[in-house]
Amino acid sequence: MLASDINAQKSGITPELADFKTRKIIPSVIEKNVLTALSFYPELKNTCIRFCFKQKIRSSVMQAQPVFRTLLKPRQDRQYRINISAMFKLTHTAIPIHHIPDAIMIGWIGHELGHIMDYECRSNFGMVKFGVGYVFSAEYIKKVERIADWYAVTHGLGKYLVETKRFILDHAELPQVYKDKIARLYVSPEEIVEQVKKLEEEKLERQKKAL
């Protein structure tokens, strides 16, 4: 057995999850959670994505971006980067980001992968417009964050998203300014629950019609 296979077994990464490593660069301490999130997005299996720890990301914990130089290439050759704050900053202290609960990390990464699904549907010019809108318009931010959550919910990550959002909004030690921003610009946990419920009802209705 190869050393890489032995290490994968020790980390709890199944062969099924390992299939989603294609064209991905992932820090080992978050590899299982990243691969779990990726497993909900088979469309991204061959997409080049690098997950990078950063010491500081302005006003965010995670951030999905295209690699700028690849925007000049055909869409299928684009590369993406998901920046992840190395430390989860609380009001009076900070903890390594990989110490937060697994479900929270999966939901957070699942949301960022939703952004990449959105990017994949945009032309190169559309990506430039996206960047301008995100910098200058709060309403545009709300729109694209809703799109990212929609991708995550429709790909089966709804329960993880709800846990992530409630973790943020209910965390006593997170700065209130950050929680207010999340409440103002992002879809609420309650709305995510309703979206999941509606999808389940639609699925059940389709199953009934198929009988």
C-alpha atoms as a PDB file:
ATOM      1  CA  MET A   1       0.000   0.000   0.000  1.00  0.00           C
ATOM      2  CA  LEU A   2       1.292   3.465  -0.914  1.00  0.00           C
ATOM      3  CA  ALA A   3       2.267   5.852   1.880  1.00  0.00           C
ATOM      4  CA  SER A   4      -0.283   8.370   0.576  1.00  0.00           C
ATOM      5  CA  ASP A   5      -3.052   5.749   0.870  1.00  0.00           C
ATOM      6  CA  ILE A   6      -2.004   4.921   4.444  1.00  0.00           C
ATOM      7  CA  ASN A   7      -2.012   8.609   5.409  1.00  0.00           C
ATOM      8  CA  ALA A   8      -5.445   9.040   3.841  1.00  0.00           C
ATOM      9  CA  GLN A   9      -6.812   6.148   5.872  1.00  0.00           C
ATOM     10  CA  LYS A  10      -5.369   7.599   9.086  1.00  0.00           C
ATOM     11  CA  SER A  11      -7.005  10.970   8.389  1.00  0.00           C
ATOM     12  CA  GLY A  12     -10.397   9.360   7.758  1.00  0.00           C
ATOM     13  CA  ILE A  13     -10.398  10.213   4.056  1.00  0.00           C
ATOM     14  CA  THR A  14     -12.216   7.478   2.157  1.00  0.00           C
ATOM     15  CA  PRO A  15     -11.330   6.546  -1.441  1.00  0.00           C
ATOM     16  CA  GLU A  16     -14.595   8.204  -2.485  1.00  0.00           C
ATOM     17  CA  LEU A  17     -13.543  11.514  -0.900  1.00  0.00           C
ATOM     18  CA  ALA A  18     -10.010  11.191  -2.237  1.00  0.00           C
ATOM     19  CA  ASP A  19     -11.445  11.249  -5.764  1.00  0.00           C
ATOM     20  CA  PHE A  20     -12.210  14.943  -5.259  1.00  0.00           C
ATOM     21  CA  LYS A  21      -8.514  15.852  -4.844  1.00  0.00           C
ATOM     22  CA  THR A  22      -8.096  16.223  -8.599  1.00  0.00           C
ATOM     23  CA  ARG A  23      -6.491  19.593  -9.408  1.00  0.00           C
ATOM     24  CA  LYS A  24      -6.862  20.757  -5.795  1.00  0.00           C
ATOM     25  CA  ILE A  25      -4.232  22.032  -3.362  1.00  0.00           C
ATOM     26  CA  ILE A  26      -5.480  21.680   0.225  1.00  0.00           C
ATOM     27  CA  PRO A  27      -3.735  22.160   3.592  1.00  0.00           C
ATOM     28  CA  SER A  28      -3.645  18.772   5.319  1.00  0.00           C
ATOM     29  CA  VAL A  29      -5.301  19.979   8.558  1.00  0.00           C
ATOM     30  CA  ILE A  30      -8.537  20.844   6.721  1.00  0.00           C
ATOM     31  CA  GLU A  31      -8.308  18.284   3.918  1.00  0.00           C
ATOM     32  CA  LYS A  32     -11.133  16.010   5.075  1.00  0.00           C
ATOM     33  CA  ASN A  33     -13.583  18.897   5.569  1.00  0.00           C
ATOM     34  CA  VAL A  34     -12.666  20.468   2.232  1.00  0.00           C
ATOM     35  CA  LEU A  35     -13.068  17.165   0.390  1.00  0.00           C
ATOM     36  CA  THR A  36     -16.400  16.580   2.120  1.00  0.00           C
ATOM     37  CA  ALA A  37     -17.638  19.972   0.911  1.00  0.00           C
ATOM     38  CA  LEU A  38     -16.270  19.303  -2.580  1.00  0.00           C
ATOM     39  CA  SER A  39     -18.093  15.974  -2.707  1.00  0.00           C
ATOM     40  CA  PHE A  40     -21.370  17.911  -2.926  1.00  0.00           C
ATOM     41  CA  TYR A  41     -20.138  19.630  -6.102  1.00  0.00           C
ATOM     42  CA  PRO A  42     -19.267  16.958  -8.675  1.00  0.00           C
ATOM     43  CA  GLU A  43     -19.265  19.705 -11.331  1.00  0.00           C
ATOM     44  CA  LEU A  44     -16.093  21.091  -9.732  1.00  0.00           C
ATOM     45  CA  LYS A  45     -14.235  17.776  -9.683  1.00  0.00           C
ATOM     46  CA  ASN A  46     -11.797  18.829 -12.416  1.00  0.00           C
ATOM     47  CA  THR A  47     -11.726  22.542 -11.572  1.00  0.00           C
ATOM     48  CA  CYS A  48      -8.373  23.850 -10.385  1.00  0.00           C
ATOM     49  CA  ILE A  49      -8.809  25.265  -6.866  1.00  0.00           C
ATOM     50  CA  ARG A  50      -6.158  26.146  -4.308  1.00  0.00           C
ATOM     51  CA  PHE A  51      -7.142  26.509  -0.637  1.00  0.00           C
ATOM     52  CA  CYS A  52      -4.767  28.952   1.056  1.00  0.00           C
ATOM     53  CA  PHE A  53      -4.317  29.936   4.684  1.00  0.00           C
ATOM     54  CA  LYS A  54      -3.879  33.694   5.128  1.00  0.00           C
ATOM     55  CA  GLN A  55      -2.895  35.562   8.265  1.00  0.00           C
ATOM     56  CA  LYS A  56      -5.380  38.313   7.569  1.00  0.00           C
ATOM     57  CA  ILE A  57      -8.381  38.668   5.254  1.00  0.00           C
ATOM     58  CA  ARG A  58     -10.041  42.046   5.450  1.00  0.00           C
ATOM     59  CA  SER A  59     -13.511  41.794   7.061  1.00  0.00           C
ATOM     60  CA  SER A  60     -13.902  38.112   6.098  1.00  0.00           C
ATOM     61  CA  VAL A  61     -13.065  34.611   7.272  1.00  0.00           C
ATOM     62  CA  MET A  62     -13.037  33.026   3.802  1.00  0.00           C
ATOM     63  CA  GLN A  63     -12.890  34.474   0.319  1.00  0.00           C
ATOM     64  CA  ALA A  64     -13.284  32.774  -3.083  1.00  0.00           C
ATOM     65  CA  GLN A  65     -11.474  34.447  -5.985  1.00  0.00           C
ATOM     66  CA  PRO A  66     -10.428  33.659  -9.542  1.00  0.00           C
ATOM     67  CA  VAL A  67      -6.690  33.636 -10.183  1.00  0.00           C
ATOM     68  CA  PHE A  68      -6.487  36.878 -12.161  1.00  0.00           C
ATOM     69  CA  ARG A  69      -3.963  35.773 -14.791  1.00  0.00           C
ATOM     70  CA  THR A  70      -6.207  32.841 -15.782  1.00  0.00           C
ATOM     71  CA  LEU A  71      -9.083  35.163 -16.682  1.00  0.00           C
ATOM     72  CA  LEU A  72      -7.318  35.681 -19.999  1.00  0.00           C
ATOM     73  CA  LYS A  73      -7.594  31.957 -20.746  1.00  0.00           C
ATOM     74  CA  PRO A  74     -10.621  29.951 -21.945  1.00  0.00           C
ATOM     75  CA  ARG A  75     -13.173  29.434 -19.198  1.00  0.00           C
ATOM     76  CA  GLN A  76     -12.328  25.734 -18.804  1.00  0.00           C
ATOM     77  CA  ASP A  77      -8.740  26.709 -17.962  1.00  0.00           C
ATOM     78  CA  ARG A  78      -9.588  29.149 -15.190  1.00  0.00           C
ATOM     79  CA  GLN A  79      -8.081  28.621 -11.769  1.00  0.00           C
ATOM     80  CA  TYR A  80      -9.529  29.680  -8.427  1.00  0.00           C
ATOM     81  CA  ARG A  81      -8.281  30.326  -4.933  1.00  0.00           C
ATOM     82  CA  ILE A  82     -10.172  30.134  -1.655  1.00  0.00           C
ATOM     83  CA  ASN A  83      -8.395  32.214   0.972  1.00  0.00           C
ATOM     84  CA  ILE A  84      -9.014  31.058   4.541  1.00  0.00           C
ATOM     85  CA  SER A  85      -8.077  33.062   7.611  1.00  0.00           C
ATOM     86  CA  ALA A  86      -5.564  30.985   9.554  1.00  0.00           C
ATOM     87  CA  MET A  87      -6.982  32.253  12.851  1.00  0.00           C
ATOM     88  CA  PHE A  88     -10.645  32.518  13.830  1.00  0.00           C
ATOM     89  CA  LYS A  89     -10.704  35.864  15.589  1.00  0.00           C
ATOM     90  CA  LEU A  90     -12.912  36.333  18.635  1.00  0.00           C
ATOM     91  CA  THR A  91     -13.487  39.458  20.696  1.00  0.00           C
ATOM     92  CA  HIS A  92     -10.683  38.824  23.183  1.00  0.00           C
ATOM     93  CA  THR A  93      -8.703  35.985  21.625  1.00  0.00           C
ATOM     94  CA  ALA A  94      -8.285  33.845  18.510  1.00  0.00           C
ATOM     95  CA  ILE A  95      -8.180  30.131  17.735  1.00  0.00           C
ATOM     96  CA  PRO A  96      -6.766  28.248  14.726  1.00  0.00           C
ATOM     97  CA  ILE A  97      -9.489  28.055  12.095  1.00  0.00           C
ATOM     98  CA  HIS A  98      -9.203  24.257  11.870  1.00  0.00           C
ATOM     99  CA  HIS A  99     -10.290  24.004  15.515  1.00  0.00           C
ATOM    100  CA  ILE A 100     -13.851  25.100  14.769  1.00  0.00           C
ATOM    101  CA  PRO A 101     -16.375  22.214  14.507  1.00  0.00           C
ATOM    102  CA  ASP A 102     -16.278  20.115  11.344  1.00  0.00           C
ATOM    103  CA  ALA A 103     -19.871  20.851  10.313  1.00  0.00           C
ATOM    104  CA  ILE A 104     -19.221  24.595  10.574  1.00  0.00           C
ATOM    105  CA  MET A 105     -16.102  24.345   8.411  1.00  0.00           C
ATOM    106  CA  ILE A 106     -17.921  22.220   5.815  1.00  0.00           C
ATOM    107  CA  GLY A 107     -20.765  24.745   5.638  1.00  0.00           C
ATOM    108  CA  TRP A 108     -18.367  27.662   5.316  1.00  0.00           C
ATOM    109  CA  ILE A 109     -16.346  26.017   2.546  1.00  0.00           C
ATOM    110  CA  GLY A 110     -19.562  24.858   0.877  1.00  0.00           C
ATOM    111  CA  HIS A 111     -20.686  28.484   0.656  1.00  0.00           C
ATOM    112  CA  GLU A 112     -17.373  29.547  -0.934  1.00  0.00           C
ATOM    113  CA  LEU A 113     -17.643  26.710  -3.443  1.00  0.00           C
ATOM    114  CA  GLY A 114     -21.078  28.106  -4.274  1.00  0.00           C
ATOM    115  CA  HIS A 115     -19.293  31.300  -5.342  1.00  0.00           C
ATOM    116  CA  ILE A 116     -17.029  29.271  -7.622  1.00  0.00           C
ATOM    117  CA  MET A 117     -20.083  27.620  -9.189  1.00  0.00           C
ATOM    118  CA  ASP A 118     -21.362  31.136  -9.855  1.00  0.00           C
ATOM    119  CA  TYR A 119     -18.012  32.229 -11.328  1.00  0.00           C
ATOM    120  CA  GLU A 120     -17.996  29.220 -13.640  1.00  0.00           C
ATOM    121  CA  CYS A 121     -21.197  30.518 -15.250  1.00  0.00           C
ATOM    122  CA  ARG A 122     -19.774  33.996 -15.903  1.00  0.00           C
ATOM    123  CA  SER A 123     -17.797  35.194 -18.903  1.00  0.00           C
ATOM    124  CA  ASN A 124     -14.445  36.879 -18.375  1.00  0.00           C
ATOM    125  CA  PHE A 125     -16.110  40.259 -18.810  1.00  0.00           C
ATOM    126  CA  GLY A 126     -18.814  39.119 -16.391  1.00  0.00           C
ATOM    127  CA  MET A 127     -16.123  38.390 -13.825  1.00  0.00           C
ATOM    128  CA  VAL A 128     -14.793  41.946 -14.173  1.00  0.00           C
ATOM    129  CA  LYS A 129     -18.314  43.308 -13.614  1.00  0.00           C
ATOM    130  CA  PHE A 130     -18.635  41.014 -10.609  1.00  0.00           C
ATOM    131  CA  GLY A 131     -15.488  42.456  -9.043  1.00  0.00           C
ATOM    132  CA  VAL A 132     -16.624  46.036  -9.546  1.00  0.00           C
ATOM    133  CA  GLY A 133     -20.110  45.348  -8.176  1.00  0.00           C
ATOM    134  CA  TYR A 134     -18.787  43.523  -5.118  1.00  0.00           C
ATOM    135  CA  VAL A 135     -16.483  46.405  -4.210  1.00  0.00           C
ATOM    136  CA  PHE A 136     -18.946  49.254  -4.698  1.00  0.00           C
ATOM    137  CA  SER A 137     -22.472  47.962  -4.024  1.00  0.00           C
ATOM    138  CA  ALA A 138     -23.889  46.450  -0.823  1.00  0.00           C
ATOM    139  CA  GLU A 139     -26.999  45.395  -2.746  1.00  0.00           C
ATOM    140  CA  TYR A 140     -24.834  43.563  -5.242  1.00  0.00           C
ATOM    141  CA  ILE A 141     -23.052  41.774  -2.385  1.00  0.00           C
ATOM    142  CA  LYS A 142     -26.416  40.622  -1.026  1.00  0.00           C
ATOM    143  CA  LYS A 143     -27.379  39.341  -4.463  1.00  0.00           C
ATOM    144  CA  VAL A 144     -24.209  37.305  -5.080  1.00  0.00           C
ATOM    145  CA  GLU A 145     -24.110  35.932  -1.518  1.00  0.00           C
ATOM    146  CA  ARG A 146     -27.672  34.741  -2.024  1.00  0.00           C
ATOM    147  CA  ILE A 147     -26.596  33.050  -5.261  1.00  0.00           C
ATOM    148  CA  ALA A 148     -23.724  31.266  -3.470  1.00  0.00           C
ATOM    149  CA  ASP A 149     -26.084  30.024  -0.769  1.00  0.00           C
ATOM    150  CA  TRP A 150     -28.571  28.898  -3.412  1.00  0.00           C
ATOM    151  CA  TYR A 151     -25.907  26.739  -5.035  1.00  0.00           C
ATOM    152  CA  ALA A 152     -24.966  25.283  -1.654  1.00  0.00           C
ATOM    153  CA  VAL A 153     -28.573  24.522  -0.699  1.00  0.00           C
ATOM    154  CA  THR A 154     -29.489  22.961  -4.049  1.00  0.00           C
ATOM    155  CA  HIS A 155     -26.385  20.778  -3.838  1.00  0.00           C
ATOM    156  CA  GLY A 156     -27.432  19.337  -0.471  1.00  0.00           C
ATOM    157  CA  LEU A 157     -25.438  21.496   1.950  1.00  0.00           C
ATOM    158  CA  GLY A 158     -28.426  23.206   3.555  1.00  0.00           C
ATOM    159  CA  LYS A 159     -28.020  21.687   7.023  1.00  0.00           C
ATOM    160  CA  TYR A 160     -24.355  22.665   7.098  1.00  0.00           C
ATOM    161  CA  LEU A 161     -25.145  26.227   6.042  1.00  0.00           C
ATOM    162  CA  VAL A 162     -27.718  26.571   8.813  1.00  0.00           C
ATOM    163  CA  GLU A 163     -25.203  25.365  11.403  1.00  0.00           C
ATOM    164  CA  THR A 164     -22.546  27.751  10.092  1.00  0.00           C
ATOM    165  CA  LYS A 165     -24.825  30.783  10.094  1.00  0.00           C
ATOM    166  CA  ARG A 166     -26.204  30.041  13.565  1.00  0.00           C
ATOM    167  CA  PHE A 167     -22.671  29.469  14.834  1.00  0.00           C
ATOM    168  CA  ILE A 168     -21.726  32.953  13.638  1.00  0.00           C
ATOM    169  CA  LEU A 169     -24.833  34.819  14.736  1.00  0.00           C
ATOM    170  CA  ASP A 170     -25.114  33.124  18.150  1.00  0.00           C
ATOM    171  CA  HIS A 171     -21.408  33.090  19.054  1.00  0.00           C
ATOM    172  CA  ALA A 172     -20.991  35.232  22.160  1.00  0.00           C
ATOM    173  CA  GLU A 173     -17.303  35.892  21.510  1.00  0.00           C
ATOM    174  CA  LEU A 174     -17.536  37.044  17.895  1.00  0.00           C
ATOM    175  CA  PRO A 175     -17.301  40.828  17.347  1.00  0.00           C
ATOM    176  CA  GLN A 176     -20.777  42.347  17.063  1.00  0.00           C
ATOM    177  CA  VAL A 177     -19.711  44.353  14.006  1.00  0.00           C
ATOM    178  CA  TYR A 178     -18.977  41.127  12.133  1.00  0.00           C
ATOM    179  CA  LYS A 179     -22.260  39.517  13.226  1.00  0.00           C
ATOM    180  CA  ASP A 180     -24.183  42.618  12.151  1.00  0.00           C
ATOM    181  CA  LYS A 181     -22.533  42.454   8.723  1.00  0.00           C
ATOM    182  CA  ILE A 182     -23.508  38.788   8.320  1.00  0.00           C
ATOM    183  CA  ALA A 183     -27.096  39.513   9.382  1.00  0.00           C
ATOM    184  CA  ARG A 184     -27.315  42.479   6.998  1.00  0.00           C
ATOM    185  CA  LEU A 185     -25.776  41.006   3.847  1.00  0.00           C
ATOM    186  CA  TYR A 186     -26.297  37.239   4.017  1.00  0.00           C
ATOM    187  CA  VAL A 187     -29.285  34.900   3.873  1.00  0.00           C
ATOM    188  CA  SER A 188     -30.629  34.120   7.357  1.00  0.00           C
ATOM    189  CA  PRO A 189     -30.637  30.596   8.858  1.00  0.00           C
ATOM    190  CA  GLU A 190     -34.440  30.681   8.891  1.00  0.00           C
ATOM    191  CA  GLU A 191     -34.600  31.385   5.166  1.00  0.00           C
ATOM    192  CA  ILE A 192     -32.131  28.571   4.467  1.00  0.00           C
ATOM    193  CA  VAL A 193     -34.365  26.202   6.475  1.00  0.00           C
ATOM    194  CA  GLU A 194     -37.343  27.278   4.360  1.00  0.00           C
ATOM    195  CA  GLN A 195     -35.376  26.745   1.141  1.00  0.00           C
ATOM    196  CA  VAL A 196     -34.374  23.239   2.238  1.00  0.00           C
ATOM    197  CA  LYS A 197     -37.973  22.451   3.205  1.00  0.00           C
ATOM    198  CA  LYS A 198     -39.248  23.650  -0.174  1.00  0.00           C
ATOM    199  CA  LEU A 199     -36.651  21.563  -2.050  1.00  0.00           C
ATOM    200  CA  GLU A 200     -37.599  18.470  -0.048  1.00  0.00           C
ATOM    201  CA  GLU A 201     -41.296  19.046  -0.756  1.00  0.00           C
ATOM    202  CA  GLU A 202     -40.595  19.447  -4.483  1.00  0.00           C
ATOM    203  CA  LYS A 203     -38.510  16.270  -4.491  1.00  0.00           C
ATOM    204  CA  LEU A 204     -41.282  14.340  -2.735  1.00  0.00           C
ATOM    205  CA  GLU A 205     -43.815  15.652  -5.234  1.00  0.00           C
ATOM    206  CA  ARG A 206     -41.660  14.504  -8.161  1.00  0.00           C
ATOM    207  CA  GLN A 207     -41.303  11.069  -6.585  1.00  0.00           C
ATOM    208  CA  LYS A 208     -45.070  10.776  -6.190  1.00  0.00           C
ATOM    209  CA  LYS A 209     -45.628  11.693  -9.846  1.00  0.00           C
ATOM    210  CA  ALA A 210     -43.062   9.109 -10.915  1.00  0.00           C
ATOM    211  CA  LEU A 211     -44.946   6.267  -9.189  1.00  0.00           C
END
